[in-house]
Amino acid sequence: MLKAENLSVHFVVRHNPLVRLKHPDHTIRAVSDVSIELKNGEILGLVGESGSGKTTLARALAGLVRPSGGQVLYRGSDLQKMDAFEFKKYRREVQLILQDSDSTLDPRMRLVELLEEPLKINRHLDKAERQDLVSAIMEKTFIPPSLAGRYPTELSGGQRQRVSLARTLLVRPKIIITDEPLSGLDTILRYQLLKLMLELKEEYGLSYLLISHDLQMISSVCNRVAVMYRGKLVEVMESGNMSSAVHPYTKMLLAGLALGLEEGHDLHHHAEDGQGCGFAGRCPVHLPICHQETPFLKEVSENHLCACHLA
């Protein structure tokens, strides 16, 4: 349904000398040669540490970032070759919900105005029709009518996330890409919002790309899980097989060790010329070949891909 083929997104650093020290050619390779597909009706989880390229990949799939190489295909059509009408339809059907809902909700607009806005832009409806749809979506997303006149700053974090979800649903998307949708919420709100998202998936026939650090949540709700490290996919598997993970980085994530780096580990081992495995400097079982040749995704078992020389 939505596919990335050899997708790369690079950013040229011009004015930040500290960043340029780590990138001699002044280029940050946020996403490098990623190929992945979100199937119809699927929930695909995307996990990895901060800075691994997950958000950049999400923005590229949503059409907000222009790829440096490769393709984004939607129902077989290349995103870069769509005309204005096709691209507008694409942006309507593939929606992105960012982690920071505050940045996407205009603080000068009341809740009811925020919900009416996408209807004014994307659907030709009169005011009464818009009000009916807004009332219906507020009910579905458990937003009390008493909040209709409030500004975003007067809402709780969970309420703002539900408003973002409601705004997205009003344009009738086919795919929702969510970047850390449960971040910053307490346990009860996380459960409520996740339950709501799953119910809406069934009711609207949605497909989700779900980005999160919460591996327990990802493994419980997703059909497949893709693991990303330093701009590359290192493992893709069915969520029920996460206990059979092969890549050392995935095992570190599952063990909760990935953020606890030992002093002396070389985070910037991965050469700018792309040679070697980017994880070799942190890998407890690395071999000489890991520093010399780049591993590519290969099938290690049915529906299980891994990019590791030891796989």
Protein backbone atom coordinates (compact mmCIF):
# COMPACT_ATOMS: atom_id res chain seq x y z
CA MET A 1 0.00 0.00 0.00
CA LEU A 2 2.72 2.45 1.06
CA LYS A 3 6.26 1.50 0.19
CA ALA A 4 9.75 2.96 0.44
CA GLU A 5 12.28 1.62 -2.06
CA ASN A 6 15.97 2.34 -1.38
CA LEU A 7 14.89 5.58 0.29
CA SER A 8 17.56 8.02 1.45
CA VAL A 9 17.23 11.45 3.06
CA HIS A 10 20.40 13.52 3.48
CA PHE A 11 20.80 16.98 4.97
CA VAL A 12 23.69 19.32 4.19
CA VAL A 13 25.05 21.09 7.28
CA ARG A 14 26.29 24.57 6.39
CA HIS A 15 26.45 26.71 9.53
CA ASN A 16 26.89 24.45 12.57
CA PRO A 17 30.64 23.79 13.11
CA LEU A 18 30.05 21.31 15.94
CA VAL A 19 27.88 19.09 13.75
CA ARG A 20 30.25 19.50 10.82
CA LEU A 21 33.14 18.08 12.89
CA LYS A 22 31.34 14.71 12.98
CA HIS A 23 30.47 14.88 9.28
CA PRO A 24 33.58 15.78 7.24
CA ASP A 25 31.57 16.00 4.01
CA HIS A 26 29.00 18.23 5.79
CA THR A 27 26.22 15.73 5.11
CA ILE A 28 23.96 14.08 7.69
CA ARG A 29 22.63 10.79 6.38
CA ALA A 30 19.39 10.68 8.37
CA VAL A 31 17.93 7.83 6.29
CA SER A 32 20.08 5.58 4.13
CA ASP A 33 18.82 3.09 1.55
CA VAL A 34 15.69 2.02 3.45
CA SER A 35 13.19 -0.34 1.81
CA ILE A 36 10.00 -1.16 3.69
CA GLU A 37 6.29 -1.64 3.00
CA LEU A 38 3.16 -0.89 5.02
CA LYS A 39 0.46 -3.33 3.95
CA ASN A 40 -3.26 -2.67 3.77
CA GLY A 41 -4.88 -2.98 7.21
CA GLU A 42 -1.54 -3.55 8.92
CA ILE A 43 -0.02 -1.99 12.02
CA LEU A 44 3.71 -1.72 11.42
CA GLY A 45 5.89 -0.74 14.37
CA LEU A 46 9.10 1.26 13.92
CA VAL A 47 11.54 1.30 16.84
CA GLY A 48 15.01 2.62 17.56
CA GLU A 49 16.86 5.12 19.70
CA SER A 50 16.49 8.89 19.36
CA GLY A 51 18.45 10.02 16.31
CA SER A 52 18.06 6.75 14.45
CA GLY A 53 16.09 8.39 11.63
CA LYS A 54 12.57 7.24 12.51
CA THR A 55 10.95 10.69 12.39
CA THR A 56 12.77 11.66 9.18
CA LEU A 57 11.57 8.44 7.56
CA ALA A 58 8.02 9.18 8.73
CA ARG A 59 8.15 12.71 7.32
CA ALA A 60 9.48 11.42 3.99
CA LEU A 61 6.68 8.84 3.77
CA ALA A 62 4.14 11.58 4.54
CA GLY A 63 5.51 13.77 1.75
CA LEU A 64 6.92 16.44 4.06
CA VAL A 65 10.58 15.78 3.23
CA ARG A 66 11.96 15.35 -0.26
CA PRO A 67 14.06 12.17 -0.62
CA SER A 68 17.70 12.45 -1.66
CA GLY A 69 17.40 9.07 -3.35
CA GLY A 70 15.01 6.19 -3.84
CA GLN A 71 11.23 6.29 -4.07
CA VAL A 72 8.07 6.52 -2.00
CA LEU A 73 5.29 4.56 -3.68
CA TYR A 74 1.60 4.78 -2.79
CA ARG A 75 -0.58 2.15 -4.44
CA GLY A 76 2.18 1.81 -7.03
CA SER A 77 2.45 5.53 -7.85
CA ASP A 78 5.72 7.40 -7.29
CA LEU A 79 5.18 10.29 -4.89
CA GLN A 80 7.72 12.47 -6.73
CA LYS A 81 5.87 12.05 -10.04
CA MET A 82 2.39 12.95 -8.77
CA ASP A 83 0.76 16.10 -10.10
CA ALA A 84 -0.76 18.69 -7.74
CA PHE A 85 -4.18 17.02 -7.66
CA GLU A 86 -2.75 13.54 -7.00
CA PHE A 87 -0.40 14.85 -4.31
CA LYS A 88 -3.24 16.67 -2.52
CA LYS A 89 -5.23 13.43 -2.48
CA TYR A 90 -2.16 11.58 -1.22
CA ARG A 91 -1.64 14.06 1.63
CA ARG A 92 -5.30 13.62 2.56
CA GLU A 93 -5.09 9.82 2.61
CA VAL A 94 -1.69 9.56 4.34
CA GLN A 95 -1.74 11.56 7.56
CA LEU A 96 1.08 12.20 10.04
CA ILE A 97 0.51 12.76 13.77
CA LEU A 98 3.63 14.22 15.35
CA GLN A 99 4.91 13.52 18.84
CA ASP A 100 4.52 17.12 19.98
CA SER A 101 0.82 17.87 19.54
CA ASP A 102 1.38 21.41 20.89
CA SER A 103 3.33 22.32 17.76
CA THR A 104 0.50 21.27 15.43
CA LEU A 105 -2.39 22.96 17.25
CA ASP A 106 -2.69 26.73 16.72
CA PRO A 107 -2.82 28.25 20.23
CA ARG A 108 -5.01 31.08 18.91
CA MET A 109 -7.81 28.76 17.80
CA ARG A 110 -10.48 27.17 19.96
CA LEU A 111 -10.95 23.41 19.86
CA VAL A 112 -14.04 23.55 17.66
CA GLU A 113 -12.19 25.80 15.18
CA LEU A 114 -9.24 23.41 15.11
CA LEU A 115 -11.55 20.55 14.22
CA GLU A 116 -13.43 22.51 11.57
CA GLU A 117 -10.22 23.67 9.86
CA PRO A 118 -9.39 20.42 7.97
CA LEU A 119 -13.01 20.20 6.81
CA LYS A 120 -12.81 23.70 5.34
CA ILE A 121 -9.58 22.86 3.53
CA ASN A 122 -10.27 19.33 2.29
CA ARG A 123 -14.03 18.91 2.05
CA HIS A 124 -16.68 21.16 0.51
CA LEU A 125 -19.27 21.32 3.28
CA ASP A 126 -21.52 24.02 4.68
CA LYS A 127 -21.28 25.12 8.30
CA ALA A 128 -24.10 22.85 9.54
CA GLU A 129 -22.50 19.79 7.93
CA ARG A 130 -19.13 20.68 9.43
CA GLN A 131 -20.65 21.08 12.88
CA ASP A 132 -22.37 17.70 12.62
CA LEU A 133 -19.12 15.97 11.64
CA VAL A 134 -17.18 17.75 14.40
CA SER A 135 -19.75 16.70 17.01
CA ALA A 136 -19.64 13.10 15.77
CA ILE A 137 -15.85 12.87 15.83
CA MET A 138 -15.67 14.45 19.28
CA GLU A 139 -18.01 11.76 20.53
CA LYS A 140 -15.97 8.98 18.90
CA THR A 141 -12.70 10.27 20.36
CA PHE A 142 -14.22 10.94 23.80
CA ILE A 143 -13.74 14.71 23.72
CA PRO A 144 -16.44 16.26 25.97
CA PRO A 145 -18.59 18.98 24.32
CA SER A 146 -17.71 21.24 27.25
CA LEU A 147 -14.18 21.56 25.82
CA ALA A 148 -15.33 22.92 22.44
CA GLY A 149 -14.62 26.55 23.35
CA ARG A 150 -11.23 25.96 24.95
CA TYR A 151 -7.79 26.77 23.56
CA PRO A 152 -5.05 24.09 23.29
CA THR A 153 -3.20 25.51 26.31
CA GLU A 154 -6.32 24.83 28.39
CA LEU A 155 -6.32 21.13 27.51
CA SER A 156 -4.40 18.27 29.09
CA GLY A 157 -1.78 16.30 27.15
CA GLY A 158 -4.18 13.43 26.59
CA GLN A 159 -6.92 15.77 25.40
CA ARG A 160 -4.56 17.44 22.92
CA GLN A 161 -3.54 14.03 21.55
CA ARG A 162 -7.19 13.11 21.05
CA VAL A 163 -7.78 16.43 19.28
CA SER A 164 -4.87 15.67 16.93
CA LEU A 165 -6.32 12.23 16.23
CA ALA A 166 -9.80 13.67 15.67
CA ARG A 167 -8.45 16.28 13.21
CA THR A 168 -6.72 13.52 11.30
CA LEU A 169 -9.82 11.31 11.08
CA LEU A 170 -11.99 14.14 9.76
CA VAL A 171 -10.25 14.02 6.35
CA ARG A 172 -10.92 10.27 6.05
CA PRO A 173 -7.33 8.97 5.76
CA LYS A 174 -6.33 5.49 4.71
CA ILE A 175 -2.99 5.52 6.54
CA ILE A 176 -1.99 7.20 9.78
CA ILE A 177 1.68 7.60 10.63
CA THR A 178 2.05 8.28 14.35
CA ASP A 179 5.30 9.47 15.91
CA GLU A 180 5.39 8.60 19.63
CA PRO A 181 1.63 9.18 20.07
CA LEU A 182 1.64 8.07 23.72
CA SER A 183 4.73 9.98 24.80
CA GLY A 184 4.37 12.02 27.98
CA LEU A 185 1.05 10.46 29.02
CA ASP A 186 0.46 8.56 32.24
CA THR A 187 -0.29 4.84 32.18
CA ILE A 188 -4.08 5.15 32.23
CA LEU A 189 -4.15 7.75 29.44
CA ARG A 190 -1.72 5.69 27.37
CA TYR A 191 -4.00 2.67 27.64
CA GLN A 192 -7.12 4.71 26.82
CA LEU A 193 -5.59 6.38 23.77
CA LEU A 194 -4.10 3.13 22.45
CA LYS A 195 -7.44 1.35 22.90
CA LEU A 196 -9.15 4.20 21.04
CA MET A 197 -6.66 4.00 18.15
CA LEU A 198 -7.23 0.27 17.77
CA GLU A 199 -11.01 0.68 17.82
CA LEU A 200 -10.83 3.42 15.19
CA LYS A 201 -8.58 1.24 13.04
CA GLU A 202 -11.28 -1.41 12.86
CA GLU A 203 -14.11 1.08 12.33
CA TYR A 204 -12.38 3.12 9.60
CA GLY A 205 -10.25 0.37 8.04
CA LEU A 206 -7.00 2.19 8.79
CA SER A 207 -3.38 1.16 8.42
CA TYR A 208 -0.88 2.46 10.98
CA LEU A 209 2.84 3.09 10.98
CA LEU A 210 3.44 3.32 14.72
CA ILE A 211 6.74 4.86 15.89
CA SER A 212 7.60 4.30 19.53
CA HIS A 213 10.31 3.57 22.08
CA ASP A 214 7.88 1.32 23.96
CA LEU A 215 8.80 -2.17 22.77
CA GLN A 216 6.23 -3.82 25.00
CA MET A 217 3.44 -1.78 23.45
CA ILE A 218 4.79 -2.29 19.94
CA SER A 219 5.00 -6.06 20.34
CA SER A 220 1.46 -6.27 21.71
CA VAL A 221 -0.40 -4.25 19.04
CA CYS A 222 1.69 -4.43 15.84
CA ASN A 223 1.67 -7.07 13.13
CA ARG A 224 5.32 -6.50 12.25
CA VAL A 225 8.20 -4.59 13.80
CA ALA A 226 11.04 -2.78 11.98
CA VAL A 227 14.16 -1.83 13.92
CA MET A 228 16.15 1.20 12.80
CA TYR A 229 19.69 2.18 13.72
CA ARG A 230 21.59 5.22 12.43
CA GLY A 231 19.40 5.66 9.36
CA LYS A 232 19.24 2.01 8.33
CA LEU A 233 16.89 -0.88 8.96
CA VAL A 234 18.72 -3.62 10.82
CA GLU A 235 15.87 -6.08 11.43
CA VAL A 236 12.26 -6.63 10.34
CA MET A 237 10.12 -9.37 11.87
CA GLU A 238 6.64 -10.34 12.95
CA SER A 239 5.86 -8.92 16.39
CA GLY A 240 5.18 -12.37 17.79
CA ASN A 241 8.75 -13.40 16.97
CA MET A 242 10.56 -10.59 18.79
CA SER A 243 11.93 -13.06 21.31
CA SER A 244 13.76 -14.65 18.35
CA ALA A 245 15.52 -11.41 17.38
CA VAL A 246 18.91 -11.98 15.76
CA HIS A 247 20.54 -8.56 15.49
CA PRO A 248 22.62 -7.58 18.56
CA TYR A 249 21.09 -4.09 18.55
CA THR A 250 17.56 -5.46 18.66
CA LYS A 251 18.59 -7.70 21.55
CA MET A 252 19.96 -4.64 23.37
CA LEU A 253 16.67 -2.81 22.85
CA LEU A 254 14.71 -5.76 24.17
CA ALA A 255 16.98 -5.96 27.20
CA GLY A 256 16.64 -2.22 27.80
CA LEU A 257 20.38 -1.70 27.43
CA ALA A 258 20.60 0.43 24.30
CA LEU A 259 20.53 3.78 26.10
CA GLY A 260 23.07 2.76 28.71
CA LEU A 261 26.26 3.17 26.70
CA GLU A 262 29.53 2.13 28.25
CA GLU A 263 32.30 4.70 28.22
CA GLY A 264 34.61 4.23 25.29
CA HIS A 265 32.07 2.84 22.84
CA ASP A 266 32.44 4.52 19.49
CA LEU A 267 29.05 5.90 18.48
CA HIS A 268 30.53 7.36 15.32
CA HIS A 269 32.26 4.25 14.06
CA HIS A 270 30.22 4.20 10.88
CA ALA A 271 32.38 5.80 8.21
CA GLU A 272 31.03 8.50 5.98
CA ASP A 273 31.81 6.33 2.96
CA GLY A 274 29.28 3.80 4.26
CA GLN A 275 31.75 0.96 4.76
CA GLY A 276 31.22 -1.43 7.63
CA CYS A 277 28.34 -1.94 10.02
CA GLY A 278 27.21 1.19 11.84
CA PHE A 279 26.69 -0.82 15.02
CA ALA A 280 30.12 -2.46 15.06
CA GLY A 281 31.57 0.00 17.58
CA ARG A 282 28.93 -0.97 20.16
CA CYS A 283 28.41 -4.60 19.23
CA PRO A 284 29.57 -7.11 21.86
CA VAL A 285 30.10 -9.84 19.24
CA HIS A 286 31.55 -7.87 16.30
CA LEU A 287 34.01 -9.47 13.89
CA PRO A 288 36.70 -7.87 11.68
CA ILE A 289 34.35 -8.10 8.69
CA CYS A 290 31.84 -5.91 10.55
CA HIS A 291 34.27 -2.97 10.24
CA GLN A 292 34.99 -3.61 6.58
CA GLU A 293 31.78 -4.64 4.82
CA THR A 294 28.26 -3.25 5.18
CA PRO A 295 25.64 -5.93 5.94
CA PHE A 296 22.37 -5.79 4.03
CA LEU A 297 18.93 -7.08 4.97
CA LYS A 298 18.57 -10.75 4.17
CA GLU A 299 15.98 -13.37 5.04
CA VAL A 300 17.05 -15.42 8.06
CA SER A 301 13.71 -17.22 8.43
CA GLU A 302 10.16 -16.85 7.13
CA ASN A 303 9.06 -13.16 7.32
CA HIS A 304 12.23 -12.32 9.25
CA LEU A 305 14.92 -10.07 7.76
CA CYS A 306 18.18 -9.07 9.42
CA ALA A 307 21.23 -7.01 8.40
CA CYS A 308 24.04 -8.69 10.31
CA HIS A 309 27.11 -10.68 9.22
CA LEU A 310 26.42 -13.13 12.04
CA ALA A 311 22.83 -13.80 10.99
